[in-house]
Amino acid sequence: MATAAAGALSLLWGWLWNERFWLPQNVSWADLEGPADGYGYPRGQHILSVFPLAAGIFFVRLLFERFIAKPCALHIGIEDSGPYQAQPNAILEKVFISITKYPDKKRLEGLSKQLDWNVRKIQCWFRYRRNQDKPPTLTKFCESMEP
């Protein structure tokens, strides 16, 4: 079982570092080992150094948002509350998810008759529901304050 996984991994690794994908014709990885005059070329293994760097940048961003941007936003008065929540309604939720987020007049009138609500109340429900998907002001502020 372990040999099959190792074989699949080596096959994937061989496909990933295929010379025809990364290098021009008549050039191989051996050509890039480095000339004798002291100059060196980037190697395939150098690409792997990107992942720890990306993780470090992501971690710095997370710390910045949590410990600098959010306290600054709360200090200047930006609230930590989300948008108004639409009251739960299975029929309207199904229309919102599967059909449209912006119903036309005909659909609004049909939903009004089906639910025994007025059209204005259904329009408000759809507006509140669309706003639920938007990030709160505090989140947008913290993301815009990125260094």
N, C-alpha and C. Protein backbone atom coordinates (compact mmCIF):
# COMPACT_ATOMS: atom_id res chain seq x y z
N MET A 1 0.82 -1.19 0.00
CA MET A 1 0.00 0.00 0.00
C MET A 1 0.87 1.25 0.00
N ALA A 2 1.92 1.24 0.83
CA ALA A 2 2.81 2.39 0.92
C ALA A 2 3.60 2.56 -0.38
N THR A 3 3.95 1.45 -1.02
CA THR A 3 4.70 1.54 -2.27
C THR A 3 3.83 2.13 -3.38
N ALA A 4 2.53 1.83 -3.36
CA ALA A 4 1.63 2.38 -4.36
C ALA A 4 1.50 3.89 -4.17
N ALA A 5 1.41 4.34 -2.92
CA ALA A 5 1.32 5.78 -2.65
C ALA A 5 2.62 6.47 -3.03
N ALA A 6 3.75 5.83 -2.72
CA ALA A 6 5.04 6.41 -3.09
C ALA A 6 5.19 6.47 -4.60
N GLY A 7 4.71 5.45 -5.29
CA GLY A 7 4.77 5.44 -6.76
C GLY A 7 3.90 6.54 -7.35
N ALA A 8 2.72 6.73 -6.79
CA ALA A 8 1.83 7.79 -7.27
C ALA A 8 2.44 9.17 -7.00
N LEU A 9 3.07 9.32 -5.84
CA LEU A 9 3.71 10.59 -5.50
C LEU A 9 4.88 10.88 -6.42
N SER A 10 5.67 9.87 -6.73
CA SER A 10 6.81 10.07 -7.63
C SER A 10 6.32 10.37 -9.05
N LEU A 11 5.21 9.76 -9.45
CA LEU A 11 4.64 10.04 -10.76
C LEU A 11 4.15 11.49 -10.82
N LEU A 12 3.49 11.95 -9.77
CA LEU A 12 3.03 13.33 -9.69
C LEU A 12 4.21 14.30 -9.70
N TRP A 13 5.24 13.98 -8.93
CA TRP A 13 6.43 14.83 -8.86
C TRP A 13 7.12 14.90 -10.22
N GLY A 14 7.20 13.76 -10.92
CA GLY A 14 7.81 13.74 -12.25
C GLY A 14 7.00 14.56 -13.24
N TRP A 15 5.67 14.50 -13.14
CA TRP A 15 4.83 15.29 -14.04
C TRP A 15 4.97 16.77 -13.73
N LEU A 16 5.04 17.13 -12.46
CA LEU A 16 5.14 18.53 -12.06
C LEU A 16 6.44 19.16 -12.55
N TRP A 17 7.54 18.43 -12.50
CA TRP A 17 8.83 18.98 -12.89
C TRP A 17 9.25 18.52 -14.28
N ASN A 18 8.31 18.28 -15.15
CA ASN A 18 8.59 17.86 -16.51
C ASN A 18 9.33 18.97 -17.24
N GLU A 19 10.45 18.64 -17.89
CA GLU A 19 11.27 19.63 -18.58
C GLU A 19 10.52 20.31 -19.72
N ARG A 20 9.65 19.58 -20.39
CA ARG A 20 8.91 20.17 -21.51
C ARG A 20 7.95 21.25 -21.04
N PHE A 21 7.52 21.18 -19.79
CA PHE A 21 6.60 22.18 -19.27
C PHE A 21 7.33 23.45 -18.83
N TRP A 22 8.45 23.30 -18.15
CA TRP A 22 9.15 24.44 -17.54
C TRP A 22 10.23 25.05 -18.42
N LEU A 23 10.86 24.27 -19.26
CA LEU A 23 12.06 24.73 -19.96
C LEU A 23 11.85 24.78 -21.47
N PRO A 24 12.62 25.63 -22.17
CA PRO A 24 12.54 25.64 -23.64
C PRO A 24 13.14 24.36 -24.22
N GLN A 25 12.96 24.20 -25.53
CA GLN A 25 13.50 23.02 -26.19
C GLN A 25 15.01 22.99 -26.08
N ASN A 26 15.56 21.79 -26.08
CA ASN A 26 17.01 21.54 -26.02
C ASN A 26 17.66 22.04 -24.74
N VAL A 27 16.88 22.24 -23.68
CA VAL A 27 17.41 22.61 -22.37
C VAL A 27 16.88 21.60 -21.37
N SER A 28 17.76 21.16 -20.48
CA SER A 28 17.34 20.20 -19.46
C SER A 28 17.70 20.76 -18.08
N TRP A 29 17.23 20.08 -17.06
CA TRP A 29 17.56 20.50 -15.69
C TRP A 29 19.06 20.43 -15.44
N ALA A 30 19.71 19.48 -16.08
CA ALA A 30 21.16 19.33 -15.89
C ALA A 30 21.91 20.55 -16.44
N ASP A 31 21.37 21.19 -17.48
CA ASP A 31 22.01 22.39 -18.02
C ASP A 31 21.95 23.54 -17.03
N LEU A 32 21.00 23.51 -16.14
CA LEU A 32 20.82 24.61 -15.18
C LEU A 32 21.52 24.37 -13.86
N GLU A 33 22.31 23.33 -13.75
CA GLU A 33 23.01 23.05 -12.49
C GLU A 33 23.96 24.17 -12.13
N GLY A 34 24.42 24.91 -13.09
CA GLY A 34 25.29 26.04 -12.81
C GLY A 34 26.60 25.92 -13.55
N PRO A 35 27.01 26.99 -14.18
CA PRO A 35 28.29 26.96 -14.88
C PRO A 35 29.45 27.01 -13.89
N ALA A 36 30.62 26.72 -14.37
CA ALA A 36 31.80 26.65 -13.52
C ALA A 36 32.35 28.01 -13.14
N ASP A 37 31.90 29.08 -13.79
CA ASP A 37 32.47 30.39 -13.52
C ASP A 37 31.87 31.09 -12.30
N GLY A 38 31.11 30.41 -11.50
CA GLY A 38 30.61 30.98 -10.25
C GLY A 38 29.19 31.51 -10.31
N TYR A 39 28.62 31.61 -11.49
CA TYR A 39 27.24 32.06 -11.58
C TYR A 39 26.32 30.89 -11.34
N GLY A 40 25.19 31.16 -10.73
CA GLY A 40 24.24 30.08 -10.48
C GLY A 40 22.86 30.45 -11.03
N TYR A 41 22.10 29.45 -11.32
CA TYR A 41 20.74 29.64 -11.80
C TYR A 41 19.77 29.21 -10.71
N PRO A 42 18.57 29.77 -10.73
CA PRO A 42 17.56 29.27 -9.80
C PRO A 42 17.25 27.80 -10.09
N ARG A 43 16.98 27.07 -9.07
CA ARG A 43 16.68 25.65 -9.23
C ARG A 43 15.22 25.38 -8.91
N GLY A 44 14.77 24.22 -9.29
CA GLY A 44 13.38 23.85 -9.04
C GLY A 44 13.03 23.84 -7.57
N GLN A 45 13.98 23.47 -6.73
CA GLN A 45 13.72 23.41 -5.30
C GLN A 45 13.50 24.81 -4.71
N HIS A 46 13.97 25.85 -5.39
CA HIS A 46 13.79 27.21 -4.88
C HIS A 46 12.32 27.62 -4.88
N ILE A 47 11.54 27.02 -5.74
CA ILE A 47 10.10 27.33 -5.78
C ILE A 47 9.44 26.93 -4.46
N LEU A 48 9.96 25.90 -3.82
CA LEU A 48 9.36 25.44 -2.57
C LEU A 48 9.53 26.45 -1.44
N SER A 49 10.48 27.37 -1.57
CA SER A 49 10.65 28.38 -0.52
C SER A 49 9.53 29.40 -0.51
N VAL A 50 8.69 29.41 -1.53
CA VAL A 50 7.58 30.35 -1.60
C VAL A 50 6.51 30.00 -0.56
N PHE A 51 6.29 28.74 -0.29
CA PHE A 51 5.21 28.35 0.61
C PHE A 51 5.42 28.85 2.05
N PRO A 52 6.59 28.68 2.65
CA PRO A 52 6.77 29.26 3.99
C PRO A 52 6.68 30.78 3.99
N LEU A 53 7.15 31.40 2.92
CA LEU A 53 7.06 32.86 2.82
C LEU A 53 5.61 33.31 2.76
N ALA A 54 4.80 32.64 1.97
CA ALA A 54 3.37 32.97 1.88
C ALA A 54 2.68 32.75 3.22
N ALA A 55 3.01 31.66 3.90
CA ALA A 55 2.41 31.41 5.21
C ALA A 55 2.81 32.49 6.20
N GLY A 56 4.05 32.95 6.15
CA GLY A 56 4.50 34.03 7.03
C GLY A 56 3.77 35.33 6.77
N ILE A 57 3.59 35.67 5.50
CA ILE A 57 2.86 36.89 5.16
C ILE A 57 1.41 36.80 5.62
N PHE A 58 0.80 35.64 5.42
CA PHE A 58 -0.58 35.45 5.87
C PHE A 58 -0.68 35.59 7.39
N PHE A 59 0.28 35.06 8.11
CA PHE A 59 0.28 35.15 9.58
C PHE A 59 0.45 36.59 10.03
N VAL A 60 1.32 37.35 9.37
CA VAL A 60 1.51 38.77 9.71
C VAL A 60 0.22 39.54 9.45
N ARG A 61 -0.45 39.23 8.34
CA ARG A 61 -1.73 39.89 8.04
C ARG A 61 -2.76 39.59 9.11
N LEU A 62 -2.84 38.35 9.52
CA LEU A 62 -3.80 37.96 10.55
C LEU A 62 -3.53 38.70 11.86
N LEU A 63 -2.27 38.76 12.26
CA LEU A 63 -1.91 39.49 13.48
C LEU A 63 -2.22 40.97 13.36
N PHE A 64 -1.94 41.55 12.21
CA PHE A 64 -2.21 42.96 12.00
C PHE A 64 -3.71 43.26 12.10
N GLU A 65 -4.52 42.44 11.43
CA GLU A 65 -5.97 42.66 11.49
C GLU A 65 -6.50 42.54 12.90
N ARG A 66 -6.02 41.53 13.61
CA ARG A 66 -6.57 41.24 14.93
C ARG A 66 -6.10 42.22 16.00
N PHE A 67 -4.81 42.59 15.98
CA PHE A 67 -4.25 43.35 17.09
C PHE A 67 -4.00 44.83 16.80
N ILE A 68 -4.08 45.24 15.54
CA ILE A 68 -3.86 46.66 15.22
C ILE A 68 -5.09 47.28 14.57
N ALA A 69 -5.55 46.69 13.46
CA ALA A 69 -6.65 47.29 12.71
C ALA A 69 -7.97 47.27 13.48
N LYS A 70 -8.31 46.15 14.10
CA LYS A 70 -9.59 46.06 14.79
C LYS A 70 -9.65 46.99 16.00
N PRO A 71 -8.63 47.05 16.87
CA PRO A 71 -8.70 48.02 17.97
C PRO A 71 -8.77 49.46 17.48
N CYS A 72 -8.07 49.79 16.39
CA CYS A 72 -8.15 51.15 15.84
C CYS A 72 -9.57 51.45 15.36
N ALA A 73 -10.19 50.50 14.68
CA ALA A 73 -11.55 50.69 14.17
C ALA A 73 -12.53 50.87 15.32
N LEU A 74 -12.41 50.06 16.35
CA LEU A 74 -13.31 50.19 17.49
C LEU A 74 -13.08 51.51 18.22
N HIS A 75 -11.83 51.98 18.25
CA HIS A 75 -11.51 53.23 18.91
C HIS A 75 -12.13 54.43 18.19
N ILE A 76 -12.17 54.39 16.85
CA ILE A 76 -12.74 55.52 16.12
C ILE A 76 -14.25 55.40 15.93
N GLY A 77 -14.84 54.33 16.44
CA GLY A 77 -16.30 54.23 16.47
C GLY A 77 -16.95 53.36 15.42
N ILE A 78 -16.19 52.56 14.71
CA ILE A 78 -16.79 51.64 13.75
C ILE A 78 -17.34 50.45 14.52
N GLU A 79 -18.62 50.16 14.30
CA GLU A 79 -19.30 49.12 15.08
C GLU A 79 -18.95 47.72 14.57
N ASP A 80 -19.01 46.78 15.50
CA ASP A 80 -18.69 45.39 15.20
C ASP A 80 -19.96 44.59 14.92
N SER A 81 -21.00 45.24 14.41
CA SER A 81 -22.25 44.52 14.15
C SER A 81 -22.41 44.31 12.66
N GLY A 82 -23.05 43.23 12.33
CA GLY A 82 -23.32 42.91 10.94
C GLY A 82 -24.60 43.57 10.48
N PRO A 83 -25.02 43.30 9.26
CA PRO A 83 -26.24 43.91 8.75
C PRO A 83 -27.48 43.31 9.42
N TYR A 84 -28.60 43.97 9.22
CA TYR A 84 -29.88 43.51 9.75
C TYR A 84 -30.18 42.12 9.18
N GLN A 85 -30.59 41.22 10.03
CA GLN A 85 -30.87 39.85 9.61
C GLN A 85 -32.29 39.73 9.09
N ALA A 86 -32.45 39.12 7.92
CA ALA A 86 -33.78 38.86 7.37
C ALA A 86 -34.42 37.74 8.17
N GLN A 87 -35.73 37.88 8.41
CA GLN A 87 -36.41 36.84 9.18
C GLN A 87 -36.45 35.55 8.36
N PRO A 88 -36.28 34.41 8.99
CA PRO A 88 -36.24 33.14 8.26
C PRO A 88 -37.55 32.87 7.51
N ASN A 89 -37.43 32.50 6.25
CA ASN A 89 -38.57 32.14 5.43
C ASN A 89 -38.08 31.17 4.36
N ALA A 90 -38.54 29.94 4.42
CA ALA A 90 -38.03 28.88 3.55
C ALA A 90 -38.34 29.16 2.08
N ILE A 91 -39.52 29.68 1.78
CA ILE A 91 -39.90 29.91 0.38
C ILE A 91 -39.04 31.01 -0.22
N LEU A 92 -38.92 32.13 0.47
CA LEU A 92 -38.11 33.23 -0.04
C LEU A 92 -36.63 32.85 -0.12
N GLU A 93 -36.17 32.08 0.84
CA GLU A 93 -34.77 31.63 0.82
C GLU A 93 -34.50 30.74 -0.39
N LYS A 94 -35.46 29.87 -0.71
CA LYS A 94 -35.30 29.00 -1.87
C LYS A 94 -35.25 29.81 -3.16
N VAL A 95 -36.11 30.81 -3.27
CA VAL A 95 -36.10 31.68 -4.45
C VAL A 95 -34.79 32.45 -4.51
N PHE A 96 -34.33 32.94 -3.37
CA PHE A 96 -33.09 33.72 -3.32
C PHE A 96 -31.89 32.89 -3.76
N ILE A 97 -31.80 31.66 -3.28
CA ILE A 97 -30.64 30.82 -3.58
C ILE A 97 -30.70 30.23 -4.98
N SER A 98 -31.84 29.71 -5.38
CA SER A 98 -31.89 28.94 -6.62
C SER A 98 -32.35 29.73 -7.84
N ILE A 99 -33.09 30.82 -7.67
CA ILE A 99 -33.64 31.51 -8.84
C ILE A 99 -32.99 32.87 -9.05
N THR A 100 -33.23 33.80 -8.13
CA THR A 100 -32.70 35.15 -8.32
C THR A 100 -32.57 35.88 -7.00
N LYS A 101 -31.58 36.77 -6.96
CA LYS A 101 -31.41 37.63 -5.79
C LYS A 101 -32.13 38.95 -5.99
N TYR A 102 -32.52 39.23 -7.23
CA TYR A 102 -33.22 40.46 -7.59
C TYR A 102 -34.50 40.10 -8.35
N PRO A 103 -35.59 39.78 -7.64
CA PRO A 103 -36.82 39.37 -8.33
C PRO A 103 -37.48 40.55 -9.05
N ASP A 104 -38.12 40.23 -10.17
CA ASP A 104 -38.85 41.25 -10.92
C ASP A 104 -40.26 41.43 -10.34
N LYS A 105 -41.02 42.36 -10.91
CA LYS A 105 -42.36 42.67 -10.39
C LYS A 105 -43.29 41.47 -10.43
N LYS A 106 -43.22 40.72 -11.52
CA LYS A 106 -44.11 39.56 -11.67
C LYS A 106 -43.84 38.51 -10.58
N ARG A 107 -42.56 38.24 -10.34
CA ARG A 107 -42.21 37.26 -9.31
C ARG A 107 -42.58 37.78 -7.92
N LEU A 108 -42.38 39.09 -7.68
CA LEU A 108 -42.75 39.67 -6.39
C LEU A 108 -44.24 39.55 -6.13
N GLU A 109 -45.04 39.79 -7.16
CA GLU A 109 -46.50 39.68 -7.00
C GLU A 109 -46.91 38.24 -6.73
N GLY A 110 -46.26 37.28 -7.42
CA GLY A 110 -46.56 35.87 -7.18
C GLY A 110 -46.19 35.45 -5.76
N LEU A 111 -45.02 35.89 -5.29
CA LEU A 111 -44.61 35.58 -3.92
C LEU A 111 -45.53 36.26 -2.91
N SER A 112 -46.01 37.46 -3.25
CA SER A 112 -46.92 38.18 -2.36
C SER A 112 -48.21 37.41 -2.16
N LYS A 113 -48.75 36.87 -3.23
CA LYS A 113 -49.99 36.08 -3.13
C LYS A 113 -49.73 34.76 -2.40
N GLN A 114 -48.58 34.16 -2.66
CA GLN A 114 -48.26 32.86 -2.05
C GLN A 114 -48.06 32.99 -0.55
N LEU A 115 -47.40 34.05 -0.11
CA LEU A 115 -47.08 34.21 1.31
C LEU A 115 -48.07 35.10 2.06
N ASP A 116 -48.96 35.77 1.34
CA ASP A 116 -49.90 36.72 1.93
C ASP A 116 -49.16 37.87 2.62
N TRP A 117 -48.09 38.32 1.95
CA TRP A 117 -47.32 39.49 2.38
C TRP A 117 -47.50 40.56 1.32
N ASN A 118 -47.29 41.82 1.70
CA ASN A 118 -47.33 42.84 0.66
C ASN A 118 -45.99 42.86 -0.07
N VAL A 119 -45.99 43.46 -1.27
CA VAL A 119 -44.81 43.45 -2.12
C VAL A 119 -43.65 44.18 -1.46
N ARG A 120 -43.95 45.26 -0.78
CA ARG A 120 -42.90 46.06 -0.13
C ARG A 120 -42.15 45.23 0.92
N LYS A 121 -42.88 44.42 1.67
CA LYS A 121 -42.24 43.58 2.69
C LYS A 121 -41.32 42.54 2.06
N ILE A 122 -41.72 42.00 0.92
CA ILE A 122 -40.89 41.02 0.22
C ILE A 122 -39.65 41.70 -0.36
N GLN A 123 -39.80 42.91 -0.90
CA GLN A 123 -38.64 43.65 -1.39
C GLN A 123 -37.65 43.90 -0.26
N CYS A 124 -38.15 44.29 0.89
CA CYS A 124 -37.29 44.52 2.06
C CYS A 124 -36.58 43.24 2.47
N TRP A 125 -37.30 42.12 2.44
CA TRP A 125 -36.69 40.84 2.82
C TRP A 125 -35.51 40.53 1.89
N PHE A 126 -35.72 40.70 0.58
CA PHE A 126 -34.63 40.43 -0.37
C PHE A 126 -33.46 41.38 -0.16
N ARG A 127 -33.73 42.65 0.14
CA ARG A 127 -32.65 43.59 0.39
C ARG A 127 -31.87 43.20 1.64
N TYR A 128 -32.58 42.85 2.72
CA TYR A 128 -31.90 42.42 3.95
C TYR A 128 -31.09 41.16 3.70
N ARG A 129 -31.64 40.24 2.93
CA ARG A 129 -30.96 38.98 2.67
C ARG A 129 -29.70 39.19 1.83
N ARG A 130 -29.76 40.09 0.84
CA ARG A 130 -28.56 40.40 0.05
C ARG A 130 -27.49 41.04 0.93
N ASN A 131 -27.92 41.90 1.85
CA ASN A 131 -26.97 42.57 2.72
C ASN A 131 -26.32 41.61 3.72
N GLN A 132 -26.99 40.51 4.04
CA GLN A 132 -26.41 39.52 4.95
C GLN A 132 -25.14 38.91 4.35
N ASP A 133 -25.08 38.82 3.02
CA ASP A 133 -23.92 38.22 2.36
C ASP A 133 -22.73 39.17 2.31
N LYS A 134 -22.96 40.45 2.55
CA LYS A 134 -21.87 41.43 2.51
C LYS A 134 -21.12 41.41 3.84
N PRO A 135 -19.81 41.66 3.80
CA PRO A 135 -19.06 41.71 5.05
C PRO A 135 -19.42 42.97 5.85
N PRO A 136 -19.35 42.90 7.17
CA PRO A 136 -19.63 44.09 7.98
C PRO A 136 -18.60 45.19 7.76
N THR A 137 -18.95 46.39 8.17
CA THR A 137 -18.07 47.54 7.98
C THR A 137 -16.74 47.36 8.68
N LEU A 138 -16.74 46.75 9.85
CA LEU A 138 -15.49 46.53 10.58
C LEU A 138 -14.54 45.64 9.78
N THR A 139 -15.05 44.59 9.17
CA THR A 139 -14.22 43.69 8.38
C THR A 139 -13.65 44.42 7.17
N LYS A 140 -14.48 45.20 6.49
CA LYS A 140 -14.00 45.95 5.34
C LYS A 140 -12.93 46.97 5.76
N PHE A 141 -13.11 47.60 6.90
CA PHE A 141 -12.13 48.56 7.39
C PHE A 141 -10.80 47.87 7.67
N CYS A 142 -10.85 46.73 8.35
CA CYS A 142 -9.61 46.02 8.70
C CYS A 142 -8.88 45.56 7.44
N GLU A 143 -9.62 45.12 6.43
CA GLU A 143 -8.97 44.67 5.20
C GLU A 143 -8.40 45.84 4.41
N SER A 144 -9.04 46.99 4.47
CA SER A 144 -8.53 48.14 3.72
C SER A 144 -7.34 48.79 4.41
N MET A 145 -7.11 48.48 5.66
CA MET A 145 -6.02 49.07 6.42
C MET A 145 -4.74 48.25 6.31
N GLU A 146 -4.71 47.28 5.40
CA GLU A 146 -3.55 46.39 5.26
C GLU A 146 -2.30 47.21 4.98
N PRO A 147 -1.19 46.80 5.56
CA PRO A 147 0.09 47.51 5.30
C PRO A 147 0.60 47.27 3.91
